[in-house]
Amino acid sequence: LEAAQADREGRRDRLAAASLHRLNQPGAADDPQAFREHASFHLEHLPRLTTRPEHIKQLRQTILNLAVRGQLVPQDPNDEPASELLKRIRTQKRHSVSDGKRKRDPDLPAIDFREAPFNLPIGWTWARFPELGTFGRGKSKHRPRNEPSLFDGGTHLLIQTGDVARSKGIITTYTNMYNEFGLAQSLKWPKGTLCITIAANIADSGILSFDACFPDSVVGFVPASEFPNARYFEYFIRTAKANFLEFAPATAQKNINLEILNAVLIPLPPLAEQHRIVAKVDELMALCDRLEAQLATAQSASRRLLESVLHQALSDS
């Protein structure tokens, strides 16, 4: 029975991997008819292809890959191109600098589109975090774990890399609370900030559900006011995490720090399509959650049945 099950699971794993590979490979959507057939095959056989947690993990990654490549929802030629959105954000930033509301961003080199990891749909453009909002490292002059005086009577929430790592996209936990002295040597980021770890767990991400401080092992990104939230960018980080360096120019230093994050190329869709993408990803991730719950229930029922059979067999003997 064990050998038969292992053989069956092995064949299922190969089938699931081959099916997802057809959807994930570069240029998969260049042949729309074939792409729809591959997608339909996987969706029609979804219950048979998702029998273990790792299958659902692969499905989540495929959904995100398709989302940031413009293959998850249809394009609308009437949508304003992302290049126009980028121009408005740049204009707003220049006005804010002129008004003294923000510091001037560091100059970024021109994008060499030959280094882009894949071709973008019409209306999309490549952009970088500093061009799309406020981007920078957290701050803590004193290492929090070594300075108890930072926390006595504290009320200002502090998160660490562990809070980001276990967030599943939305940060709801915090490690400690700074007092006024602690806050003075740190920096408070607003609710809605996208946090990205650059130490311990590399490139974990999550969005703050409250105002909070964090040390320089975490990078914060506050999207420009043109964006309703940071959800699309959090999904992008999850997608890029496995192959993060593919999104950075060849000349960039090959480790994850603020410099490489500054250079990372982000596939930016038109704003209207971005809304559609986030809504569809939310919907499909909820489906994955239900699949995981059903899988856990089925495994639990199977274990209980086996225990009952064994108990009966032992009692009869």
C-alpha atoms as a PDB file:
ATOM      1  CA  LEU A   1       0.000   0.000   0.000  1.00  0.00           C
ATOM      2  CA  GLU A   2       2.806   2.401   0.878  1.00  0.00           C
ATOM      3  CA  ALA A   3       4.639   1.626  -2.360  1.00  0.00           C
ATOM      4  CA  ALA A   4       1.473   2.074  -4.416  1.00  0.00           C
ATOM      5  CA  GLN A   5       0.669   5.358  -2.679  1.00  0.00           C
ATOM      6  CA  ALA A   6       4.223   6.652  -3.177  1.00  0.00           C
ATOM      7  CA  ASP A   7       4.058   5.772  -6.874  1.00  0.00           C
ATOM      8  CA  ARG A   8       0.662   7.462  -7.248  1.00  0.00           C
ATOM      9  CA  GLU A   9       1.831  10.606  -5.421  1.00  0.00           C
ATOM     10  CA  GLY A  10       4.989  10.723  -7.513  1.00  0.00           C
ATOM     11  CA  ARG A  11       2.995  10.627 -10.748  1.00  0.00           C
ATOM     12  CA  ARG A  12       0.611  13.280  -9.396  1.00  0.00           C
ATOM     13  CA  ASP A  13       3.544  15.519  -8.421  1.00  0.00           C
ATOM     14  CA  ARG A  14       5.040  15.260 -11.909  1.00  0.00           C
ATOM     15  CA  LEU A  15       1.688  15.998 -13.530  1.00  0.00           C
ATOM     16  CA  ALA A  16       1.036  19.008 -11.267  1.00  0.00           C
ATOM     17  CA  ALA A  17       4.562  20.359 -11.851  1.00  0.00           C
ATOM     18  CA  ALA A  18       4.261  19.943 -15.638  1.00  0.00           C
ATOM     19  CA  SER A  19       0.841  21.599 -15.662  1.00  0.00           C
ATOM     20  CA  LEU A  20       2.031  24.629 -13.666  1.00  0.00           C
ATOM     21  CA  HIS A  21       5.261  24.846 -15.677  1.00  0.00           C
ATOM     22  CA  ARG A  22       3.222  25.400 -18.831  1.00  0.00           C
ATOM     23  CA  LEU A  23       1.581  28.402 -17.175  1.00  0.00           C
ATOM     24  CA  ASN A  24       4.730  29.788 -15.535  1.00  0.00           C
ATOM     25  CA  GLN A  25       7.207  29.667 -18.402  1.00  0.00           C
ATOM     26  CA  PRO A  26       8.121  33.010 -20.050  1.00  0.00           C
ATOM     27  CA  GLY A  27       5.916  33.810 -23.008  1.00  0.00           C
ATOM     28  CA  ALA A  28       3.242  31.342 -21.896  1.00  0.00           C
ATOM     29  CA  ALA A  29       0.511  33.803 -22.805  1.00  0.00           C
ATOM     30  CA  ASP A  30       1.941  34.591 -26.245  1.00  0.00           C
ATOM     31  CA  ASP A  31      -0.336  31.837 -27.581  1.00  0.00           C
ATOM     32  CA  PRO A  32      -3.678  32.743 -25.936  1.00  0.00           C
ATOM     33  CA  GLN A  33      -5.482  29.605 -27.108  1.00  0.00           C
ATOM     34  CA  ALA A  34      -2.822  27.236 -25.764  1.00  0.00           C
ATOM     35  CA  PHE A  35      -2.571  29.232 -22.543  1.00  0.00           C
ATOM     36  CA  ARG A  36      -6.341  28.982 -21.961  1.00  0.00           C
ATOM     37  CA  GLU A  37      -6.202  25.230 -22.605  1.00  0.00           C
ATOM     38  CA  HIS A  38      -3.358  24.734 -20.118  1.00  0.00           C
ATOM     39  CA  ALA A  39      -5.145  26.866 -17.507  1.00  0.00           C
ATOM     40  CA  SER A  40      -8.454  25.048 -18.069  1.00  0.00           C
ATOM     41  CA  PHE A  41      -6.742  21.672 -17.687  1.00  0.00           C
ATOM     42  CA  HIS A  42      -5.249  22.624 -14.342  1.00  0.00           C
ATOM     43  CA  LEU A  43      -8.479  24.154 -13.007  1.00  0.00           C
ATOM     44  CA  GLU A  44     -10.625  21.201 -14.148  1.00  0.00           C
ATOM     45  CA  HIS A  45      -8.328  18.768 -12.348  1.00  0.00           C
ATOM     46  CA  LEU A  46      -7.582  21.024  -9.377  1.00  0.00           C
ATOM     47  CA  PRO A  47      -8.909  18.594  -6.684  1.00  0.00           C
ATOM     48  CA  ARG A  48      -6.700  15.802  -8.044  1.00  0.00           C
ATOM     49  CA  LEU A  49      -3.648  18.050  -8.398  1.00  0.00           C
ATOM     50  CA  THR A  50      -3.820  19.570  -4.895  1.00  0.00           C
ATOM     51  CA  THR A  51      -3.609  16.719  -2.402  1.00  0.00           C
ATOM     52  CA  ARG A  52      -0.730  18.025  -0.263  1.00  0.00           C
ATOM     53  CA  PRO A  53       0.212  21.423   1.199  1.00  0.00           C
ATOM     54  CA  GLU A  54       3.144  21.824  -1.197  1.00  0.00           C
ATOM     55  CA  HIS A  55       0.752  21.535  -4.162  1.00  0.00           C
ATOM     56  CA  ILE A  56      -1.252  24.498  -2.889  1.00  0.00           C
ATOM     57  CA  LYS A  57       1.949  26.434  -2.223  1.00  0.00           C
ATOM     58  CA  GLN A  58       2.946  25.897  -5.872  1.00  0.00           C
ATOM     59  CA  LEU A  59      -0.527  26.993  -6.973  1.00  0.00           C
ATOM     60  CA  ARG A  60      -0.248  30.220  -4.942  1.00  0.00           C
ATOM     61  CA  GLN A  61       3.114  30.971  -6.544  1.00  0.00           C
ATOM     62  CA  THR A  62       1.700  30.367 -10.019  1.00  0.00           C
ATOM     63  CA  ILE A  63      -1.203  32.750  -9.348  1.00  0.00           C
ATOM     64  CA  LEU A  64       1.239  35.477  -8.279  1.00  0.00           C
ATOM     65  CA  ASN A  65       3.556  34.844 -11.235  1.00  0.00           C
ATOM     66  CA  LEU A  66       0.663  35.218 -13.656  1.00  0.00           C
ATOM     67  CA  ALA A  67      -0.535  38.359 -11.841  1.00  0.00           C
ATOM     68  CA  VAL A  68       2.697  40.338 -12.198  1.00  0.00           C
ATOM     69  CA  ARG A  69       3.186  39.246 -15.814  1.00  0.00           C
ATOM     70  CA  GLY A  70      -0.209  40.525 -16.933  1.00  0.00           C
ATOM     71  CA  GLN A  71      -1.587  37.033 -17.544  1.00  0.00           C
ATOM     72  CA  LEU A  72      -4.175  36.765 -14.774  1.00  0.00           C
ATOM     73  CA  VAL A  73      -6.785  39.300 -15.883  1.00  0.00           C
ATOM     74  CA  PRO A  74      -7.537  40.729 -19.361  1.00  0.00           C
ATOM     75  CA  GLN A  75      -6.021  44.004 -20.511  1.00  0.00           C
ATOM     76  CA  ASP A  76      -8.281  46.910 -21.453  1.00  0.00           C
ATOM     77  CA  PRO A  77      -6.861  49.168 -24.208  1.00  0.00           C
ATOM     78  CA  ASN A  78      -8.873  52.052 -22.741  1.00  0.00           C
ATOM     79  CA  ASP A  79      -6.914  51.957 -19.463  1.00  0.00           C
ATOM     80  CA  GLU A  80      -4.509  54.845 -18.936  1.00  0.00           C
ATOM     81  CA  PRO A  81      -0.952  53.539 -19.559  1.00  0.00           C
ATOM     82  CA  ALA A  82       1.208  53.045 -16.496  1.00  0.00           C
ATOM     83  CA  SER A  83       3.772  55.462 -17.972  1.00  0.00           C
ATOM     84  CA  GLU A  84       1.263  58.320 -17.494  1.00  0.00           C
ATOM     85  CA  LEU A  85       0.727  57.274 -13.879  1.00  0.00           C
ATOM     86  CA  LEU A  86       4.479  57.318 -13.353  1.00  0.00           C
ATOM     87  CA  LYS A  87       4.714  60.843 -14.807  1.00  0.00           C
ATOM     88  CA  ARG A  88       2.070  62.119 -12.354  1.00  0.00           C
ATOM     89  CA  ILE A  89       3.858  60.582  -9.400  1.00  0.00           C
ATOM     90  CA  ARG A  90       7.140  62.195 -10.460  1.00  0.00           C
ATOM     91  CA  THR A  91       5.401  65.579 -10.773  1.00  0.00           C
ATOM     92  CA  GLN A  92       3.865  65.221  -7.301  1.00  0.00           C
ATOM     93  CA  LYS A  93       7.253  64.325  -5.841  1.00  0.00           C
ATOM     94  CA  ARG A  94       8.907  67.371  -7.398  1.00  0.00           C
ATOM     95  CA  HIS A  95       6.204  69.642  -5.961  1.00  0.00           C
ATOM     96  CA  SER A  96       6.594  68.072  -2.513  1.00  0.00           C
ATOM     97  CA  VAL A  97      10.343  68.665  -2.632  1.00  0.00           C
ATOM     98  CA  SER A  98       9.800  72.277  -3.742  1.00  0.00           C
ATOM     99  CA  ASP A  99       7.324  72.805  -0.889  1.00  0.00           C
ATOM    100  CA  GLY A 100       9.779  71.351   1.606  1.00  0.00           C
ATOM    101  CA  LYS A 101       7.452  68.464   2.491  1.00  0.00           C
ATOM    102  CA  ARG A 102       9.987  65.773   1.595  1.00  0.00           C
ATOM    103  CA  LYS A 103      13.635  65.315   0.776  1.00  0.00           C
ATOM    104  CA  ARG A 104      14.779  64.852  -2.776  1.00  0.00           C
ATOM    105  CA  ASP A 105      15.083  61.181  -3.735  1.00  0.00           C
ATOM    106  CA  PRO A 106      18.523  59.882  -4.700  1.00  0.00           C
ATOM    107  CA  ASP A 107      19.129  59.848  -8.446  1.00  0.00           C
ATOM    108  CA  LEU A 108      18.515  56.482 -10.068  1.00  0.00           C
ATOM    109  CA  PRO A 109      20.268  55.370 -13.255  1.00  0.00           C
ATOM    110  CA  ALA A 110      18.155  55.038 -16.380  1.00  0.00           C
ATOM    111  CA  ILE A 111      16.523  51.626 -16.764  1.00  0.00           C
ATOM    112  CA  ASP A 112      18.250  49.338 -19.249  1.00  0.00           C
ATOM    113  CA  PHE A 113      15.266  47.427 -20.610  1.00  0.00           C
ATOM    114  CA  ARG A 114      17.592  44.731 -21.943  1.00  0.00           C
ATOM    115  CA  GLU A 115      18.002  43.652 -18.310  1.00  0.00           C
ATOM    116  CA  ALA A 116      14.245  43.218 -17.754  1.00  0.00           C
ATOM    117  CA  PRO A 117      13.363  39.632 -16.790  1.00  0.00           C
ATOM    118  CA  PHE A 118      10.426  39.350 -19.225  1.00  0.00           C
ATOM    119  CA  ASN A 119       8.380  41.307 -21.749  1.00  0.00           C
ATOM    120  CA  LEU A 120       5.518  43.413 -20.437  1.00  0.00           C
ATOM    121  CA  PRO A 121       1.992  43.699 -21.864  1.00  0.00           C
ATOM    122  CA  ILE A 122       1.028  46.852 -23.732  1.00  0.00           C
ATOM    123  CA  GLY A 123       0.299  49.690 -21.303  1.00  0.00           C
ATOM    124  CA  TRP A 124       2.637  48.383 -18.578  1.00  0.00           C
ATOM    125  CA  THR A 125       6.049  49.820 -17.683  1.00  0.00           C
ATOM    126  CA  TRP A 126       9.020  49.007 -15.472  1.00  0.00           C
ATOM    127  CA  ALA A 127       9.512  51.120 -12.348  1.00  0.00           C
ATOM    128  CA  ARG A 128      11.435  51.054  -9.059  1.00  0.00           C
ATOM    129  CA  PHE A 129      10.362  51.485  -5.452  1.00  0.00           C
ATOM    130  CA  PRO A 130      11.868  54.980  -4.919  1.00  0.00           C
ATOM    131  CA  GLU A 131       9.965  56.212  -7.991  1.00  0.00           C
ATOM    132  CA  LEU A 132       6.628  54.972  -6.659  1.00  0.00           C
ATOM    133  CA  GLY A 133       6.515  56.365  -3.131  1.00  0.00           C
ATOM    134  CA  THR A 134       8.573  56.778   0.046  1.00  0.00           C
ATOM    135  CA  PHE A 135      11.210  54.073   0.417  1.00  0.00           C
ATOM    136  CA  GLY A 136      13.873  53.580   3.077  1.00  0.00           C
ATOM    137  CA  ARG A 137      15.273  51.523   5.916  1.00  0.00           C
ATOM    138  CA  GLY A 138      13.887  51.475   9.409  1.00  0.00           C
ATOM    139  CA  LYS A 139      15.825  53.141  12.169  1.00  0.00           C
ATOM    140  CA  SER A 140      16.995  52.230  15.647  1.00  0.00           C
ATOM    141  CA  LYS A 141      20.084  53.956  16.993  1.00  0.00           C
ATOM    142  CA  HIS A 142      20.289  51.447  19.837  1.00  0.00           C
ATOM    143  CA  ARG A 143      19.790  47.723  19.292  1.00  0.00           C
ATOM    144  CA  PRO A 144      16.366  47.211  20.914  1.00  0.00           C
ATOM    145  CA  ARG A 145      17.150  43.914  22.632  1.00  0.00           C
ATOM    146  CA  ASN A 146      20.157  45.474  24.389  1.00  0.00           C
ATOM    147  CA  GLU A 147      18.507  48.637  25.740  1.00  0.00           C
ATOM    148  CA  PRO A 148      15.636  48.051  28.236  1.00  0.00           C
ATOM    149  CA  SER A 149      15.386  51.804  28.900  1.00  0.00           C
ATOM    150  CA  LEU A 150      13.823  52.187  25.441  1.00  0.00           C
ATOM    151  CA  PHE A 151      10.684  50.352  26.556  1.00  0.00           C
ATOM    152  CA  ASP A 152       9.780  51.281  30.149  1.00  0.00           C
ATOM    153  CA  GLY A 153       6.197  52.584  29.998  1.00  0.00           C
ATOM    154  CA  GLY A 154       6.226  52.342  26.211  1.00  0.00           C
ATOM    155  CA  THR A 155       3.194  52.933  23.979  1.00  0.00           C
ATOM    156  CA  HIS A 156       4.739  53.096  20.471  1.00  0.00           C
ATOM    157  CA  LEU A 157       4.607  49.702  18.742  1.00  0.00           C
ATOM    158  CA  LEU A 158       7.839  48.123  17.494  1.00  0.00           C
ATOM    159  CA  ILE A 159       7.974  45.271  15.000  1.00  0.00           C
ATOM    160  CA  GLN A 160      10.936  43.063  14.126  1.00  0.00           C
ATOM    161  CA  THR A 161      11.761  40.731  11.234  1.00  0.00           C
ATOM    162  CA  GLY A 162       9.879  37.876  12.927  1.00  0.00           C
ATOM    163  CA  ASP A 163       6.630  39.844  12.891  1.00  0.00           C
ATOM    164  CA  VAL A 164       7.034  40.352   9.131  1.00  0.00           C
ATOM    165  CA  ALA A 165       7.990  36.710   8.514  1.00  0.00           C
ATOM    166  CA  ARG A 166       4.839  35.297  10.135  1.00  0.00           C
ATOM    167  CA  SER A 167       2.471  37.982   8.849  1.00  0.00           C
ATOM    168  CA  LYS A 168       1.100  36.166   5.755  1.00  0.00           C
ATOM    169  CA  GLY A 169       0.863  39.557   4.080  1.00  0.00           C
ATOM    170  CA  ILE A 170      -0.714  41.615   6.887  1.00  0.00           C
ATOM    171  CA  ILE A 171       1.366  42.421   9.998  1.00  0.00           C
ATOM    172  CA  THR A 172      -0.828  42.077  13.086  1.00  0.00           C
ATOM    173  CA  THR A 173       1.767  41.306  15.790  1.00  0.00           C
ATOM    174  CA  TYR A 174       4.455  43.445  17.395  1.00  0.00           C
ATOM    175  CA  THR A 175       7.547  42.642  19.455  1.00  0.00           C
ATOM    176  CA  ASN A 176       7.605  45.465  21.993  1.00  0.00           C
ATOM    177  CA  MET A 177       6.595  49.096  22.637  1.00  0.00           C
ATOM    178  CA  TYR A 178       8.956  52.052  22.646  1.00  0.00           C
ATOM    179  CA  ASN A 179       8.600  54.857  25.153  1.00  0.00           C
ATOM    180  CA  GLU A 180       9.298  58.471  24.138  1.00  0.00           C
ATOM    181  CA  PHE A 181      13.050  57.946  24.482  1.00  0.00           C
ATOM    182  CA  GLY A 182      12.816  54.868  22.261  1.00  0.00           C
ATOM    183  CA  LEU A 183      10.718  56.692  19.691  1.00  0.00           C
ATOM    184  CA  ALA A 184      13.196  59.601  19.573  1.00  0.00           C
ATOM    185  CA  GLN A 185      15.991  57.299  18.364  1.00  0.00           C
ATOM    186  CA  SER A 186      13.769  55.511  15.878  1.00  0.00           C
ATOM    187  CA  LEU A 187      11.184  56.380  13.207  1.00  0.00           C
ATOM    188  CA  LYS A 188       7.451  55.659  13.135  1.00  0.00           C
ATOM    189  CA  TRP A 189       5.957  54.412   9.856  1.00  0.00           C
ATOM    190  CA  PRO A 190       2.232  54.745   9.087  1.00  0.00           C
ATOM    191  CA  LYS A 191      -0.374  52.020   8.864  1.00  0.00           C
ATOM    192  CA  GLY A 192      -0.362  50.619   5.315  1.00  0.00           C
ATOM    193  CA  THR A 193       3.447  50.625   4.982  1.00  0.00           C
ATOM    194  CA  LEU A 194       4.864  47.645   3.089  1.00  0.00           C
ATOM    195  CA  CYS A 195       7.677  46.099   5.143  1.00  0.00           C
ATOM    196  CA  ILE A 196      10.440  44.004   3.529  1.00  0.00           C
ATOM    197  CA  THR A 197      13.086  42.181   5.575  1.00  0.00           C
ATOM    198  CA  ILE A 198      16.744  42.419   4.559  1.00  0.00           C
ATOM    199  CA  ALA A 199      18.199  40.421   7.452  1.00  0.00           C
ATOM    200  CA  ALA A 200      17.411  37.085   9.109  1.00  0.00           C
ATOM    201  CA  ASN A 201      14.552  36.074   6.793  1.00  0.00           C
ATOM    202  CA  ILE A 202      15.437  37.670   3.470  1.00  0.00           C
ATOM    203  CA  ALA A 203      12.667  39.378   1.451  1.00  0.00           C
ATOM    204  CA  ASP A 204       9.768  38.411   3.702  1.00  0.00           C
ATOM    205  CA  SER A 205       7.013  40.983   3.353  1.00  0.00           C
ATOM    206  CA  GLY A 206       3.874  42.261   5.018  1.00  0.00           C
ATOM    207  CA  ILE A 207       1.751  45.401   5.300  1.00  0.00           C
ATOM    208  CA  LEU A 208       1.436  47.199   8.638  1.00  0.00           C
ATOM    209  CA  SER A 209      -2.073  47.120  10.124  1.00  0.00           C
ATOM    210  CA  PHE A 210      -1.035  49.836  12.617  1.00  0.00           C
ATOM    211  CA  ASP A 211       1.528  52.642  12.925  1.00  0.00           C
ATOM    212  CA  ALA A 212       4.848  51.143  14.028  1.00  0.00           C
ATOM    213  CA  CYS A 213       8.619  51.513  14.287  1.00  0.00           C
ATOM    214  CA  PHE A 214      11.103  48.976  12.993  1.00  0.00           C
ATOM    215  CA  PRO A 215      14.913  48.657  12.930  1.00  0.00           C
ATOM    216  CA  ASP A 216      17.176  48.875   9.892  1.00  0.00           C
ATOM    217  CA  SER A 217      16.825  45.137   9.246  1.00  0.00           C
ATOM    218  CA  VAL A 218      13.453  46.054   7.706  1.00  0.00           C
ATOM    219  CA  VAL A 219      12.813  48.339   4.718  1.00  0.00           C
ATOM    220  CA  GLY A 220       9.594  50.349   4.475  1.00  0.00           C
ATOM    221  CA  PHE A 221       7.648  51.425   1.397  1.00  0.00           C
ATOM    222  CA  VAL A 222       4.733  53.893   1.501  1.00  0.00           C
ATOM    223  CA  PRO A 223       3.068  54.019  -1.934  1.00  0.00           C
ATOM    224  CA  ALA A 224       2.357  57.392  -3.563  1.00  0.00           C
ATOM    225  CA  SER A 225      -1.151  58.760  -3.030  1.00  0.00           C
ATOM    226  CA  GLU A 226      -2.129  57.593  -6.534  1.00  0.00           C
ATOM    227  CA  PHE A 227      -2.204  54.025  -5.222  1.00  0.00           C
ATOM    228  CA  PRO A 228      -5.071  52.912  -2.944  1.00  0.00           C
ATOM    229  CA  ASN A 229      -2.758  50.620  -0.931  1.00  0.00           C
ATOM    230  CA  ALA A 230       0.412  48.508  -1.150  1.00  0.00           C
ATOM    231  CA  ARG A 231      -1.294  45.201  -1.923  1.00  0.00           C
ATOM    232  CA  TYR A 232      -0.026  44.846  -5.503  1.00  0.00           C
ATOM    233  CA  PHE A 233       3.542  45.565  -4.380  1.00  0.00           C
ATOM    234  CA  GLU A 234       3.325  43.043  -1.540  1.00  0.00           C
ATOM    235  CA  TYR A 235       2.149  40.420  -4.013  1.00  0.00           C
ATOM    236  CA  PHE A 236       5.063  41.357  -6.288  1.00  0.00           C
ATOM    237  CA  ILE A 237       7.602  40.863  -3.476  1.00  0.00           C
ATOM    238  CA  ARG A 238       6.142  37.418  -2.737  1.00  0.00           C
ATOM    239  CA  THR A 239       6.448  36.539  -6.412  1.00  0.00           C
ATOM    240  CA  ALA A 240       9.977  37.826  -6.754  1.00  0.00           C
ATOM    241  CA  LYS A 241      11.299  36.360  -3.493  1.00  0.00           C
ATOM    242  CA  ALA A 242      12.307  32.989  -4.944  1.00  0.00           C
ATOM    243  CA  ASN A 243      14.240  34.626  -7.806  1.00  0.00           C
ATOM    244  CA  PHE A 244      14.776  38.073  -6.387  1.00  0.00           C
ATOM    245  CA  LEU A 245      18.022  38.788  -8.170  1.00  0.00           C
ATOM    246  CA  GLU A 246      16.361  38.270 -11.574  1.00  0.00           C
ATOM    247  CA  PHE A 247      14.595  41.596 -11.050  1.00  0.00           C
ATOM    248  CA  ALA A 248      17.829  43.461 -10.291  1.00  0.00           C
ATOM    249  CA  PRO A 249      20.295  44.720 -12.910  1.00  0.00           C
ATOM    250  CA  ALA A 250      23.380  42.608 -13.556  1.00  0.00           C
ATOM    251  CA  THR A 251      25.555  45.452 -12.223  1.00  0.00           C
ATOM    252  CA  ALA A 252      23.847  45.436  -8.810  1.00  0.00           C
ATOM    253  CA  GLN A 253      25.568  43.965  -5.780  1.00  0.00           C
ATOM    254  CA  LYS A 254      24.330  40.394  -5.343  1.00  0.00           C
ATOM    255  CA  ASN A 255      22.927  40.499  -1.846  1.00  0.00           C
ATOM    256  CA  ILE A 256      19.682  41.844  -0.493  1.00  0.00           C
ATOM    257  CA  ASN A 257      20.177  45.349   0.889  1.00  0.00           C
ATOM    258  CA  LEU A 258      18.659  48.775   0.314  1.00  0.00           C
ATOM    259  CA  GLU A 259      20.807  49.384  -2.766  1.00  0.00           C
ATOM    260  CA  ILE A 260      19.602  46.276  -4.563  1.00  0.00           C
ATOM    261  CA  LEU A 261      15.995  46.973  -3.534  1.00  0.00           C
ATOM    262  CA  ASN A 262      16.371  50.473  -4.976  1.00  0.00           C
ATOM    263  CA  ALA A 263      17.351  48.903  -8.299  1.00  0.00           C
ATOM    264  CA  VAL A 264      14.741  46.133  -8.425  1.00  0.00           C
ATOM    265  CA  LEU A 265      12.522  46.399 -11.506  1.00  0.00           C
ATOM    266  CA  ILE A 266       8.796  46.256 -10.724  1.00  0.00           C
ATOM    267  CA  PRO A 267       6.307  45.371 -13.485  1.00  0.00           C
ATOM    268  CA  LEU A 268       3.797  48.211 -13.151  1.00  0.00           C
ATOM    269  CA  PRO A 269       0.346  47.772 -14.752  1.00  0.00           C
ATOM    270  CA  PRO A 270      -2.137  50.554 -15.521  1.00  0.00           C
ATOM    271  CA  LEU A 271      -3.852  51.594 -12.295  1.00  0.00           C
ATOM    272  CA  ALA A 272      -7.259  50.224 -13.348  1.00  0.00           C
ATOM    273  CA  GLU A 273      -5.726  46.854 -14.209  1.00  0.00           C
ATOM    274  CA  GLN A 274      -3.817  46.873 -10.939  1.00  0.00           C
ATOM    275  CA  HIS A 275      -7.163  47.054  -9.126  1.00  0.00           C
ATOM    276  CA  ARG A 276      -8.453  44.098 -11.168  1.00  0.00           C
ATOM    277  CA  ILE A 277      -5.307  42.098 -10.481  1.00  0.00           C
ATOM    278  CA  VAL A 278      -5.472  42.616  -6.710  1.00  0.00           C
ATOM    279  CA  ALA A 279      -9.181  41.704  -6.631  1.00  0.00           C
ATOM    280  CA  LYS A 280      -8.559  38.506  -8.618  1.00  0.00           C
ATOM    281  CA  VAL A 281      -5.532  37.493  -6.548  1.00  0.00           C
ATOM    282  CA  ASP A 282      -7.508  38.079  -3.340  1.00  0.00           C
ATOM    283  CA  GLU A 283     -10.271  35.857  -4.711  1.00  0.00           C
ATOM    284  CA  LEU A 284      -7.909  33.070  -5.748  1.00  0.00           C
ATOM    285  CA  MET A 285      -5.914  33.206  -2.512  1.00  0.00           C
ATOM    286  CA  ALA A 286      -9.184  32.779  -0.602  1.00  0.00           C
ATOM    287  CA  LEU A 287      -9.832  29.695  -2.755  1.00  0.00           C
ATOM    288  CA  CYS A 288      -6.380  28.365  -1.825  1.00  0.00           C
ATOM    289  CA  ASP A 289      -7.212  28.955   1.851  1.00  0.00           C
ATOM    290  CA  ARG A 290     -10.375  26.864   1.436  1.00  0.00           C
ATOM    291  CA  LEU A 291      -8.453  24.121  -0.355  1.00  0.00           C
ATOM    292  CA  GLU A 292      -5.938  24.000   2.495  1.00  0.00           C
ATOM    293  CA  ALA A 293      -8.731  23.798   5.070  1.00  0.00           C
ATOM    294  CA  GLN A 294     -10.464  20.987   3.150  1.00  0.00           C
ATOM    295  CA  LEU A 295      -7.168  19.162   2.770  1.00  0.00           C
ATOM    296  CA  ALA A 296      -6.481  19.400   6.507  1.00  0.00           C
ATOM    297  CA  THR A 297     -10.018  18.166   7.283  1.00  0.00           C
ATOM    298  CA  ALA A 298      -9.664  15.222   4.895  1.00  0.00           C
ATOM    299  CA  GLN A 299      -6.280  14.259   6.363  1.00  0.00           C
ATOM    300  CA  SER A 300      -7.676  14.494   9.891  1.00  0.00           C
ATOM    301  CA  ALA A 301     -10.661  12.296   8.960  1.00  0.00           C
ATOM    302  CA  SER A 302      -8.316   9.784   7.321  1.00  0.00           C
ATOM    303  CA  ARG A 303      -6.154   9.633  10.453  1.00  0.00           C
ATOM    304  CA  ARG A 304      -9.188   9.136  12.678  1.00  0.00           C
ATOM    305  CA  LEU A 305     -10.456   6.315  10.454  1.00  0.00           C
ATOM    306  CA  LEU A 306      -7.057   4.613  10.513  1.00  0.00           C
ATOM    307  CA  GLU A 307      -6.836   4.949  14.299  1.00  0.00           C
ATOM    308  CA  SER A 308     -10.321   3.469  14.638  1.00  0.00           C
ATOM    309  CA  VAL A 309      -9.478   0.505  12.399  1.00  0.00           C
ATOM    310  CA  LEU A 310      -6.238  -0.158  14.265  1.00  0.00           C
ATOM    311  CA  HIS A 311      -7.967   0.144  17.620  1.00  0.00           C
ATOM    312  CA  GLN A 312     -10.656  -2.331  16.517  1.00  0.00           C
ATOM    313  CA  ALA A 313      -8.050  -4.733  15.181  1.00  0.00           C
ATOM    314  CA  LEU A 314      -6.017  -4.610  18.374  1.00  0.00           C
ATOM    315  CA  SER A 315      -9.121  -5.016  20.531  1.00  0.00           C
ATOM    316  CA  ASP A 316     -10.244  -8.080  18.558  1.00  0.00           C
ATOM    317  CA  SER A 317      -6.819  -9.664  18.925  1.00  0.00           C
END
